[in-house]
Protein backbone atom coordinates (compact mmCIF):
# COMPACT_ATOMS: atom_id res chain seq x y z
CA MET A 1 -17.67 -1.67 62.22
CA PRO A 2 -20.11 0.69 63.91
CA ASN A 3 -19.47 1.50 67.57
CA LYS A 4 -22.68 -0.28 68.61
CA THR A 5 -21.43 -3.51 67.07
CA ILE A 6 -18.14 -3.23 68.93
CA ALA A 7 -20.01 -2.48 72.16
CA ALA A 8 -22.28 -5.50 71.66
CA ILE A 9 -19.30 -7.79 71.06
CA GLY A 10 -17.61 -6.39 74.16
CA ALA A 11 -20.75 -6.89 76.23
CA ILE A 12 -21.08 -10.52 75.13
CA ALA A 13 -17.42 -11.15 75.92
CA ALA A 14 -17.79 -9.51 79.34
CA ILE A 15 -20.85 -11.62 80.18
CA ILE A 16 -19.16 -14.85 79.09
CA ILE A 17 -16.00 -14.06 81.06
CA THR A 18 -18.00 -13.08 84.15
CA CYS A 19 -20.08 -16.26 84.00
CA VAL A 20 -17.01 -18.44 83.54
CA ILE A 21 -15.33 -16.81 86.55
CA LYS A 22 -18.44 -17.12 88.74
CA ASP A 23 -19.39 -20.55 87.32
CA ILE A 24 -22.97 -19.54 86.55
CA ASP A 25 -25.39 -21.99 84.93
CA GLY A 26 -24.94 -22.28 81.17
CA ALA A 27 -28.64 -21.76 80.46
CA ILE A 28 -28.47 -18.25 81.92
CA VAL A 29 -25.42 -17.49 79.79
CA GLY A 30 -27.18 -18.79 76.68
CA ALA A 31 -30.27 -16.68 77.33
CA GLY A 32 -28.20 -13.54 77.91
CA VAL A 33 -26.09 -14.07 74.81
CA ALA A 34 -29.20 -14.77 72.71
CA ALA A 35 -30.83 -11.55 73.93
CA ILE A 36 -27.75 -9.45 73.16
CA ALA A 37 -27.24 -11.13 69.79
CA GLY A 38 -30.87 -10.46 68.90
CA LEU A 39 -30.56 -6.82 69.89
CA GLY A 40 -27.30 -6.51 67.96
CA GLY A 41 -28.91 -8.06 64.90
CA TYR A 42 -31.83 -5.64 65.17
CA VAL A 43 -29.52 -2.62 65.38
CA PHE A 44 -27.44 -3.94 62.47
CA GLY A 45 -30.57 -4.47 60.37
CA LYS A 46 -31.80 -0.95 61.10
CA THR A 47 -28.50 0.75 60.27
CA ARG A 48 -27.99 -1.33 57.13
CA LYS A 49 -31.19 -0.05 55.50
C-alpha cells in the first residue's frame, strides 16, 4: 500500500478514536470520515492511472 493510503487509514482511525473518547456527535464523525474517504479515493484514483 502507498504511504498516503496508510496515512489516510491512520487519520480515520485517529478521528474515530478521538470522537469516541470525547463523545462527539456521530454526524460530525460521519462527515469527517466521508471527507477523508473521498480524499483517499481521489488520491488512489490518481496514482492508479
